[in-house]
Amino acid sequence: MTLWLTALLVWVAAGARVGRVLVKPATTARVAIVVAVAAVALASTVAIPDIAVAVDNLLPGGLHSGWLSTGIVDSAWILFTTATSVVASAAWPVVSRRNLRQVAMIVYGIGALAIALTLAWSFTFGWIVVALGAVFIVTTGLRNLDWTTLGRGIAIYTAGTALVAVLAFANAGRAFQGAEPTPPGQPTWGWQAWEIASLLISLGAVSIVIELWWRARILLRRIRPLHKLMVGRFPEVVAPEQNATSAQLKASDHVAQVMDALYLLSGSGIVIPAAGEPPNSVPERAAVVAEWARNPLGDLFVDARWIAPPPGVSPRGWVLALAKRYEVAVATAGAPQNAAASS
């Protein structure tokens, strides 16, 4: 049952990567990731005992037990290392964006030759190719680790690939030792480890999408009160065509709407000398703007200089800082009223 579930999850990850290619430019690296995850999904599917038996009996007379299914699994993992090597090649200084396509064609050609030799000559050769390719991928991944959204995805993907390298070396070693092949209808040797490797690779491939979606949902929740206030005052900032369904696009729209509404509230770019220069401190500046946004007729007033994001702060980060300070301003303004009502 877990083998079926693993294959399903990996196919879902492959579909997610296909969707990302459809909404973004289909670069060589993005297409290679799709190919890599799809290859893992194929390997996970054919490794299921029931599927393997069905594959081995595709011809009317049948095939030697395990021949075709094992060859497909081996070839799929070669395709995985080939496609991922294309992505890894882009991270090396000697490869530029201009010649990445040529490098990719060479790498894919080597992978196709390795698959042909594996099917025609020796599965052991295929596992050696998988192991060597995985070592190259792991080496490149370790060189590019950092604590960013992309870096965390690379770390998970590299961990799964490292496990693939160990398992491929183990399969080659078992072949050299003359180990008995897996009986028909039985899971392959080390199937639990192969499941873990497949899941880690698929999770690493989609972790960027998942994390960006999660962060967009958090941003939408945190800026909701400020967005509701500003859009209520200036409904014209919401364009009719702004009907994004994805969380990321919706978050971008809401940030832009808040910034546009603040701009209109400040006088559409008017500079007021009496407002003074905004402070360098982002929290202090955000507190003033948030209180002014809550009560534009109060003692505080700002101009376009205060509305613009501070140096080094993105519009998203600036709106998020304003939203935090706005909540504090609302709570502070409501505290005296509650105290007076209770007395």
C-alpha atoms as a PDB file:
ATOM      1  CA  MET A   1       0.000   0.000   0.000  1.00  0.00           C
ATOM      2  CA  THR A   2       2.808   2.412   0.832  1.00  0.00           C
ATOM      3  CA  LEU A   3       4.358   1.793  -2.591  1.00  0.00           C
ATOM      4  CA  TRP A   4       1.147   2.902  -4.286  1.00  0.00           C
ATOM      5  CA  LEU A   5       0.887   5.955  -2.035  1.00  0.00           C
ATOM      6  CA  THR A   6       4.507   6.904  -2.702  1.00  0.00           C
ATOM      7  CA  ALA A   7       4.002   6.689  -6.456  1.00  0.00           C
ATOM      8  CA  LEU A   8       0.851   8.818  -6.179  1.00  0.00           C
ATOM      9  CA  LEU A   9       2.609  11.530  -4.167  1.00  0.00           C
ATOM     10  CA  VAL A  10       5.546  11.650  -6.563  1.00  0.00           C
ATOM     11  CA  TRP A  11       3.195  11.964  -9.537  1.00  0.00           C
ATOM     12  CA  VAL A  12       1.440  14.831  -7.745  1.00  0.00           C
ATOM     13  CA  ALA A  13       4.818  16.530  -7.326  1.00  0.00           C
ATOM     14  CA  ALA A  14       5.536  16.005 -11.014  1.00  0.00           C
ATOM     15  CA  GLY A  15       2.194  17.578 -11.874  1.00  0.00           C
ATOM     16  CA  ALA A  16       2.993  20.559  -9.664  1.00  0.00           C
ATOM     17  CA  ARG A  17       6.264  21.082 -11.502  1.00  0.00           C
ATOM     18  CA  VAL A  18       4.428  20.871 -14.841  1.00  0.00           C
ATOM     19  CA  GLY A  19       2.034  23.551 -13.622  1.00  0.00           C
ATOM     20  CA  ARG A  20       4.946  25.795 -12.678  1.00  0.00           C
ATOM     21  CA  VAL A  21       6.393  25.446 -16.176  1.00  0.00           C
ATOM     22  CA  LEU A  22       3.025  26.377 -17.678  1.00  0.00           C
ATOM     23  CA  VAL A  23       2.736  29.630 -15.705  1.00  0.00           C
ATOM     24  CA  LYS A  24       6.403  30.630 -15.910  1.00  0.00           C
ATOM     25  CA  PRO A  25       8.921  30.661 -18.778  1.00  0.00           C
ATOM     26  CA  ALA A  26       9.903  27.100 -19.692  1.00  0.00           C
ATOM     27  CA  THR A  27      13.633  27.478 -19.124  1.00  0.00           C
ATOM     28  CA  THR A  28      16.064  24.612 -19.611  1.00  0.00           C
ATOM     29  CA  ALA A  29      16.423  24.145 -15.859  1.00  0.00           C
ATOM     30  CA  ARG A  30      12.664  24.135 -15.167  1.00  0.00           C
ATOM     31  CA  VAL A  31      12.015  21.592 -17.909  1.00  0.00           C
ATOM     32  CA  ALA A  32      14.854  19.437 -16.571  1.00  0.00           C
ATOM     33  CA  ILE A  33      13.284  19.399 -13.107  1.00  0.00           C
ATOM     34  CA  VAL A  34       9.987  18.268 -14.632  1.00  0.00           C
ATOM     35  CA  VAL A  35      11.791  15.450 -16.440  1.00  0.00           C
ATOM     36  CA  ALA A  36      13.668  14.467 -13.271  1.00  0.00           C
ATOM     37  CA  VAL A  37      10.586  14.284 -11.041  1.00  0.00           C
ATOM     38  CA  ALA A  38       8.585  12.483 -13.742  1.00  0.00           C
ATOM     39  CA  ALA A  39      11.408   9.937 -14.013  1.00  0.00           C
ATOM     40  CA  VAL A  40      11.256   9.339 -10.256  1.00  0.00           C
ATOM     41  CA  ALA A  41       7.484   8.931 -10.531  1.00  0.00           C
ATOM     42  CA  LEU A  42       7.935   6.372 -13.313  1.00  0.00           C
ATOM     43  CA  ALA A  43      10.519   4.454 -11.288  1.00  0.00           C
ATOM     44  CA  SER A  44       8.271   4.476  -8.212  1.00  0.00           C
ATOM     45  CA  THR A  45       5.319   3.228 -10.247  1.00  0.00           C
ATOM     46  CA  VAL A  46       7.088   0.381 -12.049  1.00  0.00           C
ATOM     47  CA  ALA A  47       8.723  -0.674  -8.766  1.00  0.00           C
ATOM     48  CA  ILE A  48       5.278  -1.629  -7.426  1.00  0.00           C
ATOM     49  CA  PRO A  49       5.190  -5.477  -7.568  1.00  0.00           C
ATOM     50  CA  ASP A  50       1.800  -5.665  -9.301  1.00  0.00           C
ATOM     51  CA  ILE A  51       2.846  -3.109 -11.907  1.00  0.00           C
ATOM     52  CA  ALA A  52       6.199  -4.841 -12.411  1.00  0.00           C
ATOM     53  CA  VAL A  53       4.522  -8.194 -13.106  1.00  0.00           C
ATOM     54  CA  ALA A  54       2.111  -6.555 -15.545  1.00  0.00           C
ATOM     55  CA  VAL A  55       4.989  -4.830 -17.353  1.00  0.00           C
ATOM     56  CA  ASP A  56       6.981  -8.071 -17.605  1.00  0.00           C
ATOM     57  CA  ASN A  57       3.994  -9.754 -19.249  1.00  0.00           C
ATOM     58  CA  LEU A  58       3.208  -7.096 -21.828  1.00  0.00           C
ATOM     59  CA  LEU A  59       4.209  -9.356 -24.724  1.00  0.00           C
ATOM     60  CA  PRO A  60       1.982 -12.359 -25.542  1.00  0.00           C
ATOM     61  CA  GLY A  61       4.738 -14.823 -24.694  1.00  0.00           C
ATOM     62  CA  GLY A  62       5.890 -12.882 -21.676  1.00  0.00           C
ATOM     63  CA  LEU A  63       9.428 -11.905 -20.812  1.00  0.00           C
ATOM     64  CA  HIS A  64      12.069 -13.216 -18.494  1.00  0.00           C
ATOM     65  CA  SER A  65      10.880 -12.487 -14.970  1.00  0.00           C
ATOM     66  CA  GLY A  66      11.891  -8.984 -13.920  1.00  0.00           C
ATOM     67  CA  TRP A  67      13.782  -8.157 -17.104  1.00  0.00           C
ATOM     68  CA  LEU A  68      11.658  -5.354 -18.511  1.00  0.00           C
ATOM     69  CA  SER A  69      10.467  -3.873 -15.204  1.00  0.00           C
ATOM     70  CA  THR A  70      13.973  -3.791 -13.746  1.00  0.00           C
ATOM     71  CA  GLY A  71      15.298  -2.235 -16.929  1.00  0.00           C
ATOM     72  CA  ILE A  72      12.627   0.473 -16.844  1.00  0.00           C
ATOM     73  CA  VAL A  73      13.310   1.270 -13.182  1.00  0.00           C
ATOM     74  CA  ASP A  74      17.048   1.387 -13.811  1.00  0.00           C
ATOM     75  CA  SER A  75      16.569   3.558 -16.895  1.00  0.00           C
ATOM     76  CA  ALA A  76      14.187   5.885 -15.066  1.00  0.00           C
ATOM     77  CA  TRP A  77      16.782   6.535 -12.375  1.00  0.00           C
ATOM     78  CA  ILE A  78      19.386   7.190 -15.074  1.00  0.00           C
ATOM     79  CA  LEU A  79      16.984   9.708 -16.592  1.00  0.00           C
ATOM     80  CA  PHE A  80      16.566  11.295 -13.161  1.00  0.00           C
ATOM     81  CA  THR A  81      20.302  11.747 -12.673  1.00  0.00           C
ATOM     82  CA  THR A  82      20.663  12.966 -16.254  1.00  0.00           C
ATOM     83  CA  ALA A  83      17.983  15.646 -15.956  1.00  0.00           C
ATOM     84  CA  THR A  84      19.124  16.720 -12.504  1.00  0.00           C
ATOM     85  CA  SER A  85      22.701  16.929 -13.768  1.00  0.00           C
ATOM     86  CA  VAL A  86      21.468  19.501 -16.283  1.00  0.00           C
ATOM     87  CA  VAL A  87      20.139  21.595 -13.403  1.00  0.00           C
ATOM     88  CA  ALA A  88      23.334  21.032 -11.417  1.00  0.00           C
ATOM     89  CA  SER A  89      25.450  22.094 -14.384  1.00  0.00           C
ATOM     90  CA  ALA A  90      23.777  25.502 -14.359  1.00  0.00           C
ATOM     91  CA  ALA A  91      25.169  26.115 -10.866  1.00  0.00           C
ATOM     92  CA  TRP A  92      28.800  25.786 -11.965  1.00  0.00           C
ATOM     93  CA  PRO A  93      30.627  28.998 -12.971  1.00  0.00           C
ATOM     94  CA  VAL A  94      31.944  27.468 -16.198  1.00  0.00           C
ATOM     95  CA  VAL A  95      28.383  27.103 -17.516  1.00  0.00           C
ATOM     96  CA  SER A  96      26.550  30.272 -18.504  1.00  0.00           C
ATOM     97  CA  ARG A  97      22.890  30.748 -19.342  1.00  0.00           C
ATOM     98  CA  ARG A  98      23.872  31.191 -22.960  1.00  0.00           C
ATOM     99  CA  ASN A  99      25.475  27.761 -23.357  1.00  0.00           C
ATOM    100  CA  LEU A 100      23.313  25.848 -20.862  1.00  0.00           C
ATOM    101  CA  ARG A 101      21.102  24.561 -23.664  1.00  0.00           C
ATOM    102  CA  GLN A 102      24.115  23.120 -25.489  1.00  0.00           C
ATOM    103  CA  VAL A 103      25.383  21.563 -22.263  1.00  0.00           C
ATOM    104  CA  ALA A 104      21.924  20.094 -21.655  1.00  0.00           C
ATOM    105  CA  MET A 105      21.867  18.469 -25.089  1.00  0.00           C
ATOM    106  CA  ILE A 106      25.245  16.856 -24.419  1.00  0.00           C
ATOM    107  CA  VAL A 107      24.164  15.613 -20.985  1.00  0.00           C
ATOM    108  CA  TYR A 108      20.895  14.233 -22.343  1.00  0.00           C
ATOM    109  CA  GLY A 109      22.825  12.502 -25.119  1.00  0.00           C
ATOM    110  CA  ILE A 110      25.114  10.842 -22.582  1.00  0.00           C
ATOM    111  CA  GLY A 111      22.067   9.797 -20.562  1.00  0.00           C
ATOM    112  CA  ALA A 112      20.356   8.306 -23.613  1.00  0.00           C
ATOM    113  CA  LEU A 113      23.504   6.341 -24.449  1.00  0.00           C
ATOM    114  CA  ALA A 114      23.714   5.082 -20.864  1.00  0.00           C
ATOM    115  CA  ILE A 115      20.080   3.942 -20.978  1.00  0.00           C
ATOM    116  CA  ALA A 116      20.666   2.121 -24.261  1.00  0.00           C
ATOM    117  CA  LEU A 117      23.729   0.327 -22.872  1.00  0.00           C
ATOM    118  CA  THR A 118      21.841  -0.547 -19.703  1.00  0.00           C
ATOM    119  CA  LEU A 119      18.952  -2.156 -21.564  1.00  0.00           C
ATOM    120  CA  ALA A 120      21.143  -3.885 -24.137  1.00  0.00           C
ATOM    121  CA  TRP A 121      24.089  -4.912 -21.985  1.00  0.00           C
ATOM    122  CA  SER A 122      23.979  -4.736 -18.182  1.00  0.00           C
ATOM    123  CA  PHE A 123      21.693  -3.409 -15.473  1.00  0.00           C
ATOM    124  CA  THR A 124      24.722  -3.245 -13.190  1.00  0.00           C
ATOM    125  CA  PHE A 125      26.266  -0.707 -15.525  1.00  0.00           C
ATOM    126  CA  GLY A 126      23.096   1.352 -15.184  1.00  0.00           C
ATOM    127  CA  TRP A 127      23.286   1.374 -11.393  1.00  0.00           C
ATOM    128  CA  ILE A 128      26.903   2.513 -11.568  1.00  0.00           C
ATOM    129  CA  VAL A 129      25.877   5.371 -13.851  1.00  0.00           C
ATOM    130  CA  VAL A 130      23.095   6.315 -11.431  1.00  0.00           C
ATOM    131  CA  ALA A 131      25.514   6.288  -8.506  1.00  0.00           C
ATOM    132  CA  LEU A 132      28.115   8.423 -10.271  1.00  0.00           C
ATOM    133  CA  GLY A 133      25.514  10.904 -11.489  1.00  0.00           C
ATOM    134  CA  ALA A 134      24.038  11.149  -8.002  1.00  0.00           C
ATOM    135  CA  VAL A 135      27.483  11.862  -6.542  1.00  0.00           C
ATOM    136  CA  PHE A 136      27.891  14.774  -8.967  1.00  0.00           C
ATOM    137  CA  ILE A 137      24.450  16.099  -8.021  1.00  0.00           C
ATOM    138  CA  VAL A 138      25.131  15.814  -4.284  1.00  0.00           C
ATOM    139  CA  THR A 139      28.485  17.568  -4.671  1.00  0.00           C
ATOM    140  CA  THR A 140      26.851  20.443  -6.517  1.00  0.00           C
ATOM    141  CA  GLY A 141      23.987  20.607  -4.043  1.00  0.00           C
ATOM    142  CA  LEU A 142      26.308  20.844  -1.048  1.00  0.00           C
ATOM    143  CA  ARG A 143      28.111  23.756  -2.706  1.00  0.00           C
ATOM    144  CA  ASN A 144      24.865  25.721  -3.007  1.00  0.00           C
ATOM    145  CA  LEU A 145      23.254  25.218   0.399  1.00  0.00           C
ATOM    146  CA  ASP A 146      22.003  28.309   2.218  1.00  0.00           C
ATOM    147  CA  TRP A 147      19.098  29.274   4.456  1.00  0.00           C
ATOM    148  CA  THR A 148      16.750  30.547   1.779  1.00  0.00           C
ATOM    149  CA  THR A 149      13.624  29.169   0.160  1.00  0.00           C
ATOM    150  CA  LEU A 150      15.686  27.795  -2.711  1.00  0.00           C
ATOM    151  CA  GLY A 151      18.460  26.589  -0.409  1.00  0.00           C
ATOM    152  CA  ARG A 152      16.071  24.580   1.747  1.00  0.00           C
ATOM    153  CA  GLY A 153      14.590  22.948  -1.344  1.00  0.00           C
ATOM    154  CA  ILE A 154      18.079  22.080  -2.583  1.00  0.00           C
ATOM    155  CA  ALA A 155      18.927  20.548   0.801  1.00  0.00           C
ATOM    156  CA  ILE A 156      15.898  18.231   0.750  1.00  0.00           C
ATOM    157  CA  TYR A 157      16.464  17.302  -2.893  1.00  0.00           C
ATOM    158  CA  THR A 158      20.163  16.645  -2.240  1.00  0.00           C
ATOM    159  CA  ALA A 159      19.362  14.425   0.746  1.00  0.00           C
ATOM    160  CA  GLY A 160      17.113  12.261  -1.416  1.00  0.00           C
ATOM    161  CA  THR A 161      19.728  12.102  -4.164  1.00  0.00           C
ATOM    162  CA  ALA A 162      22.413  11.096  -1.653  1.00  0.00           C
ATOM    163  CA  LEU A 163      20.229   8.184  -0.580  1.00  0.00           C
ATOM    164  CA  VAL A 164      19.814   7.236  -4.255  1.00  0.00           C
ATOM    165  CA  ALA A 165      23.610   7.173  -4.617  1.00  0.00           C
ATOM    166  CA  VAL A 166      23.953   4.816  -1.650  1.00  0.00           C
ATOM    167  CA  LEU A 167      21.219   2.502  -2.927  1.00  0.00           C
ATOM    168  CA  ALA A 168      22.611   2.472  -6.473  1.00  0.00           C
ATOM    169  CA  PHE A 169      26.088   1.572  -5.203  1.00  0.00           C
ATOM    170  CA  ALA A 170      24.484  -1.140  -3.058  1.00  0.00           C
ATOM    171  CA  ASN A 171      22.591  -2.570  -6.042  1.00  0.00           C
ATOM    172  CA  ALA A 172      25.794  -2.653  -8.089  1.00  0.00           C
ATOM    173  CA  GLY A 173      27.630  -4.338  -5.217  1.00  0.00           C
ATOM    174  CA  ARG A 174      24.916  -6.967  -4.836  1.00  0.00           C
ATOM    175  CA  ALA A 175      25.129  -7.693  -8.557  1.00  0.00           C
ATOM    176  CA  PHE A 176      28.900  -8.182  -8.369  1.00  0.00           C
ATOM    177  CA  GLN A 177      28.387 -10.548  -5.429  1.00  0.00           C
ATOM    178  CA  GLY A 178      25.887 -12.632  -7.401  1.00  0.00           C
ATOM    179  CA  ALA A 179      22.845 -11.832  -5.273  1.00  0.00           C
ATOM    180  CA  GLU A 180      19.602 -13.513  -6.281  1.00  0.00           C
ATOM    181  CA  PRO A 181      17.143 -11.297  -8.192  1.00  0.00           C
ATOM    182  CA  THR A 182      13.877 -10.312  -6.561  1.00  0.00           C
ATOM    183  CA  PRO A 183      11.152 -12.965  -7.083  1.00  0.00           C
ATOM    184  CA  PRO A 184       8.126 -11.914  -9.166  1.00  0.00           C
ATOM    185  CA  GLY A 185       5.441 -10.140  -7.164  1.00  0.00           C
ATOM    186  CA  GLN A 186       7.834  -9.124  -4.383  1.00  0.00           C
ATOM    187  CA  PRO A 187       9.145  -5.622  -3.597  1.00  0.00           C
ATOM    188  CA  THR A 188      12.668  -4.903  -4.761  1.00  0.00           C
ATOM    189  CA  TRP A 189      15.598  -4.951  -2.359  1.00  0.00           C
ATOM    190  CA  GLY A 190      15.646  -1.859  -0.135  1.00  0.00           C
ATOM    191  CA  TRP A 191      12.215  -0.731  -1.250  1.00  0.00           C
ATOM    192  CA  GLN A 192      11.605   1.253   1.957  1.00  0.00           C
ATOM    193  CA  ALA A 193      14.768   3.282   1.356  1.00  0.00           C
ATOM    194  CA  TRP A 194      13.793   3.837  -2.282  1.00  0.00           C
ATOM    195  CA  GLU A 195      10.443   5.172  -1.077  1.00  0.00           C
ATOM    196  CA  ILE A 196      12.145   7.623   1.266  1.00  0.00           C
ATOM    197  CA  ALA A 197      14.505   8.777  -1.481  1.00  0.00           C
ATOM    198  CA  SER A 198      11.616   9.292  -3.915  1.00  0.00           C
ATOM    199  CA  LEU A 199       9.599  11.271  -1.378  1.00  0.00           C
ATOM    200  CA  LEU A 200      12.556  13.457  -0.428  1.00  0.00           C
ATOM    201  CA  ILE A 201      13.280  14.251  -4.068  1.00  0.00           C
ATOM    202  CA  SER A 202       9.656  15.070  -4.851  1.00  0.00           C
ATOM    203  CA  LEU A 203       9.341  17.185  -1.692  1.00  0.00           C
ATOM    204  CA  GLY A 204      12.525  19.065  -2.542  1.00  0.00           C
ATOM    205  CA  ALA A 205      11.251  19.724  -6.055  1.00  0.00           C
ATOM    206  CA  VAL A 206       7.994  21.295  -4.854  1.00  0.00           C
ATOM    207  CA  SER A 207       9.131  22.744  -1.523  1.00  0.00           C
ATOM    208  CA  ILE A 208       9.656  26.154  -3.139  1.00  0.00           C
ATOM    209  CA  VAL A 209       6.075  26.179  -4.416  1.00  0.00           C
ATOM    210  CA  ILE A 210       4.729  25.010  -1.057  1.00  0.00           C
ATOM    211  CA  GLU A 211       6.744  27.534   0.946  1.00  0.00           C
ATOM    212  CA  LEU A 212       5.832  30.444  -1.323  1.00  0.00           C
ATOM    213  CA  TRP A 213       2.155  29.471  -1.088  1.00  0.00           C
ATOM    214  CA  TRP A 214       2.361  29.199   2.707  1.00  0.00           C
ATOM    215  CA  ARG A 215       4.105  32.559   3.065  1.00  0.00           C
ATOM    216  CA  ALA A 216       1.524  34.171   0.787  1.00  0.00           C
ATOM    217  CA  ARG A 217      -1.300  32.816   2.960  1.00  0.00           C
ATOM    218  CA  ILE A 218       0.385  34.165   6.092  1.00  0.00           C
ATOM    219  CA  LEU A 219       0.885  37.560   4.443  1.00  0.00           C
ATOM    220  CA  LEU A 220      -2.763  37.731   3.391  1.00  0.00           C
ATOM    221  CA  ARG A 221      -3.905  36.927   6.920  1.00  0.00           C
ATOM    222  CA  ARG A 222      -1.624  39.500   8.548  1.00  0.00           C
ATOM    223  CA  ILE A 223      -2.431  42.402   6.239  1.00  0.00           C
ATOM    224  CA  ARG A 224      -6.176  41.683   6.059  1.00  0.00           C
ATOM    225  CA  PRO A 225      -7.263  44.393   8.585  1.00  0.00           C
ATOM    226  CA  LEU A 226      -5.136  47.098   6.936  1.00  0.00           C
ATOM    227  CA  HIS A 227      -6.198  45.992   3.459  1.00  0.00           C
ATOM    228  CA  LYS A 228      -9.863  46.044   4.436  1.00  0.00           C
ATOM    229  CA  LEU A 229      -9.486  49.557   5.849  1.00  0.00           C
ATOM    230  CA  MET A 230      -7.686  51.025   2.845  1.00  0.00           C
ATOM    231  CA  VAL A 231      -9.808  49.319   0.187  1.00  0.00           C
ATOM    232  CA  GLY A 232     -12.931  50.442   2.033  1.00  0.00           C
ATOM    233  CA  ARG A 233     -11.763  54.028   1.740  1.00  0.00           C
ATOM    234  CA  PHE A 234     -10.530  53.761  -1.841  1.00  0.00           C
ATOM    235  CA  PRO A 235     -12.396  50.955  -3.631  1.00  0.00           C
ATOM    236  CA  GLU A 236     -11.104  52.238  -6.962  1.00  0.00           C
ATOM    237  CA  VAL A 237      -7.678  50.697  -6.260  1.00  0.00           C
ATOM    238  CA  VAL A 238      -9.216  47.269  -6.909  1.00  0.00           C
ATOM    239  CA  ALA A 239      -9.170  46.803 -10.666  1.00  0.00           C
ATOM    240  CA  PRO A 240     -11.961  44.690 -12.210  1.00  0.00           C
ATOM    241  CA  GLU A 241      -9.423  42.302 -13.737  1.00  0.00           C
ATOM    242  CA  GLN A 242      -7.712  41.671 -10.387  1.00  0.00           C
ATOM    243  CA  ASN A 243      -9.436  38.377  -9.634  1.00  0.00           C
ATOM    244  CA  ALA A 244      -6.391  36.218  -8.913  1.00  0.00           C
ATOM    245  CA  THR A 245      -7.158  32.756  -7.593  1.00  0.00           C
ATOM    246  CA  SER A 246      -3.695  31.678  -6.441  1.00  0.00           C
ATOM    247  CA  ALA A 247      -2.475  32.813  -3.034  1.00  0.00           C
ATOM    248  CA  GLN A 248       0.750  34.280  -4.410  1.00  0.00           C
ATOM    249  CA  LEU A 249      -0.960  36.446  -7.020  1.00  0.00           C
ATOM    250  CA  LYS A 250      -3.649  37.471  -4.554  1.00  0.00           C
ATOM    251  CA  ALA A 251      -1.004  38.523  -2.023  1.00  0.00           C
ATOM    252  CA  SER A 252       0.760  40.613  -4.672  1.00  0.00           C
ATOM    253  CA  ASP A 253      -2.544  42.271  -5.610  1.00  0.00           C
ATOM    254  CA  HIS A 254      -3.378  43.092  -1.981  1.00  0.00           C
ATOM    255  CA  VAL A 255       0.054  44.612  -1.361  1.00  0.00           C
ATOM    256  CA  ALA A 256      -0.291  46.782  -4.472  1.00  0.00           C
ATOM    257  CA  GLN A 257      -3.798  47.851  -3.443  1.00  0.00           C
ATOM    258  CA  VAL A 258      -2.649  48.915   0.020  1.00  0.00           C
ATOM    259  CA  MET A 259       0.241  50.913  -1.445  1.00  0.00           C
ATOM    260  CA  ASP A 260      -2.036  52.584  -4.014  1.00  0.00           C
ATOM    261  CA  ALA A 261      -4.590  53.493  -1.343  1.00  0.00           C
ATOM    262  CA  LEU A 262      -1.907  54.965   0.921  1.00  0.00           C
ATOM    263  CA  TYR A 263      -0.632  56.997  -2.020  1.00  0.00           C
ATOM    264  CA  LEU A 264      -4.109  58.414  -2.659  1.00  0.00           C
ATOM    265  CA  LEU A 265      -4.636  59.121   1.024  1.00  0.00           C
ATOM    266  CA  SER A 266      -1.372  61.072   1.203  1.00  0.00           C
ATOM    267  CA  GLY A 267      -2.442  63.403  -1.585  1.00  0.00           C
ATOM    268  CA  SER A 268      -1.231  61.499  -4.646  1.00  0.00           C
ATOM    269  CA  GLY A 269       2.434  62.352  -4.329  1.00  0.00           C
ATOM    270  CA  ILE A 270       2.244  65.783  -2.691  1.00  0.00           C
ATOM    271  CA  VAL A 271       5.307  66.637  -0.605  1.00  0.00           C
ATOM    272  CA  ILE A 272       4.448  68.462   2.628  1.00  0.00           C
ATOM    273  CA  PRO A 273       7.492  70.230   4.113  1.00  0.00           C
ATOM    274  CA  ALA A 274       5.923  70.226   7.572  1.00  0.00           C
ATOM    275  CA  ALA A 275       5.815  66.413   7.533  1.00  0.00           C
ATOM    276  CA  GLY A 276       9.594  66.338   7.769  1.00  0.00           C
ATOM    277  CA  GLU A 277      11.965  63.652   6.661  1.00  0.00           C
ATOM    278  CA  PRO A 278      10.970  60.075   7.573  1.00  0.00           C
ATOM    279  CA  PRO A 279      13.237  58.387  10.146  1.00  0.00           C
ATOM    280  CA  ASN A 280      15.691  55.670   9.175  1.00  0.00           C
ATOM    281  CA  SER A 281      14.161  53.248  11.675  1.00  0.00           C
ATOM    282  CA  VAL A 282      11.623  51.070   9.865  1.00  0.00           C
ATOM    283  CA  PRO A 283       9.503  50.263  12.984  1.00  0.00           C
ATOM    284  CA  GLU A 284       9.361  53.940  13.991  1.00  0.00           C
ATOM    285  CA  ARG A 285       8.411  55.017  10.489  1.00  0.00           C
ATOM    286  CA  ALA A 286       5.824  52.242  10.176  1.00  0.00           C
ATOM    287  CA  ALA A 287       4.265  53.220  13.513  1.00  0.00           C
ATOM    288  CA  VAL A 288       3.731  56.815  12.362  1.00  0.00           C
ATOM    289  CA  VAL A 289       2.294  55.811   8.980  1.00  0.00           C
ATOM    290  CA  ALA A 290       0.030  53.170  10.547  1.00  0.00           C
ATOM    291  CA  GLU A 291      -1.392  55.611  13.108  1.00  0.00           C
ATOM    292  CA  TRP A 292      -1.931  58.178  10.368  1.00  0.00           C
ATOM    293  CA  ALA A 293      -3.672  55.562   8.199  1.00  0.00           C
ATOM    294  CA  ARG A 294      -5.938  54.688  11.120  1.00  0.00           C
ATOM    295  CA  ASN A 295      -6.807  58.324  11.813  1.00  0.00           C
ATOM    296  CA  PRO A 296      -5.887  60.650   8.924  1.00  0.00           C
ATOM    297  CA  LEU A 297      -7.542  63.602  10.719  1.00  0.00           C
ATOM    298  CA  GLY A 298      -5.432  63.233  13.848  1.00  0.00           C
ATOM    299  CA  ASP A 299      -2.314  65.061  14.935  1.00  0.00           C
ATOM    300  CA  LEU A 300       0.014  63.049  12.670  1.00  0.00           C
ATOM    301  CA  PHE A 301       0.337  63.665   8.953  1.00  0.00           C
ATOM    302  CA  VAL A 302       2.697  62.248   6.357  1.00  0.00           C
ATOM    303  CA  ASP A 303       3.430  62.703   2.677  1.00  0.00           C
ATOM    304  CA  ALA A 304       4.640  60.559  -0.215  1.00  0.00           C
ATOM    305  CA  ARG A 305       8.144  60.323   1.258  1.00  0.00           C
ATOM    306  CA  TRP A 306       6.779  58.447   4.261  1.00  0.00           C
ATOM    307  CA  ILE A 307       4.562  56.190   2.150  1.00  0.00           C
ATOM    308  CA  ALA A 308       7.356  54.857  -0.058  1.00  0.00           C
ATOM    309  CA  PRO A 309       9.090  51.677   1.173  1.00  0.00           C
ATOM    310  CA  PRO A 310      12.306  52.471   3.097  1.00  0.00           C
ATOM    311  CA  PRO A 311      15.626  51.650   1.410  1.00  0.00           C
ATOM    312  CA  GLY A 312      16.315  47.931   1.446  1.00  0.00           C
ATOM    313  CA  VAL A 313      12.694  47.010   2.251  1.00  0.00           C
ATOM    314  CA  SER A 314      10.457  45.403  -0.361  1.00  0.00           C
ATOM    315  CA  PRO A 315       6.851  46.562  -0.833  1.00  0.00           C
ATOM    316  CA  ARG A 316       5.687  43.295   0.745  1.00  0.00           C
ATOM    317  CA  GLY A 317       7.918  43.762   3.749  1.00  0.00           C
ATOM    318  CA  TRP A 318       6.836  47.381   4.111  1.00  0.00           C
ATOM    319  CA  VAL A 319       3.111  46.602   3.956  1.00  0.00           C
ATOM    320  CA  LEU A 320       3.630  43.773   6.446  1.00  0.00           C
ATOM    321  CA  ALA A 321       5.415  46.165   8.822  1.00  0.00           C
ATOM    322  CA  LEU A 322       2.575  48.670   8.425  1.00  0.00           C
ATOM    323  CA  ALA A 323      -0.008  45.960   9.103  1.00  0.00           C
ATOM    324  CA  LYS A 324       1.732  44.953  12.339  1.00  0.00           C
ATOM    325  CA  ARG A 325       1.891  48.547  13.552  1.00  0.00           C
ATOM    326  CA  TYR A 326      -1.696  49.147  12.475  1.00  0.00           C
ATOM    327  CA  GLU A 327      -2.893  46.342  14.734  1.00  0.00           C
ATOM    328  CA  VAL A 328      -0.952  47.909  17.615  1.00  0.00           C
ATOM    329  CA  ALA A 329      -2.438  51.329  16.844  1.00  0.00           C
ATOM    330  CA  VAL A 330      -5.979  49.939  16.791  1.00  0.00           C
ATOM    331  CA  ALA A 331      -5.429  48.102  20.071  1.00  0.00           C
ATOM    332  CA  THR A 332      -3.905  51.192  21.696  1.00  0.00           C
ATOM    333  CA  ALA A 333      -6.744  53.428  20.527  1.00  0.00           C
ATOM    334  CA  GLY A 334      -9.331  50.976  21.799  1.00  0.00           C
ATOM    335  CA  ALA A 335      -7.785  50.556  25.247  1.00  0.00           C
ATOM    336  CA  PRO A 336      -8.811  53.994  26.665  1.00  0.00           C
ATOM    337  CA  GLN A 337     -12.339  53.557  25.341  1.00  0.00           C
ATOM    338  CA  ASN A 338     -12.655  50.175  27.023  1.00  0.00           C
ATOM    339  CA  ALA A 339     -11.302  51.608  30.268  1.00  0.00           C
ATOM    340  CA  ALA A 340     -13.775  54.504  30.161  1.00  0.00           C
ATOM    341  CA  ALA A 341     -16.666  52.169  29.431  1.00  0.00           C
ATOM    342  CA  SER A 342     -15.788  49.873  32.327  1.00  0.00           C
ATOM    343  CA  SER A 343     -15.528  52.791  34.761  1.00  0.00           C
END
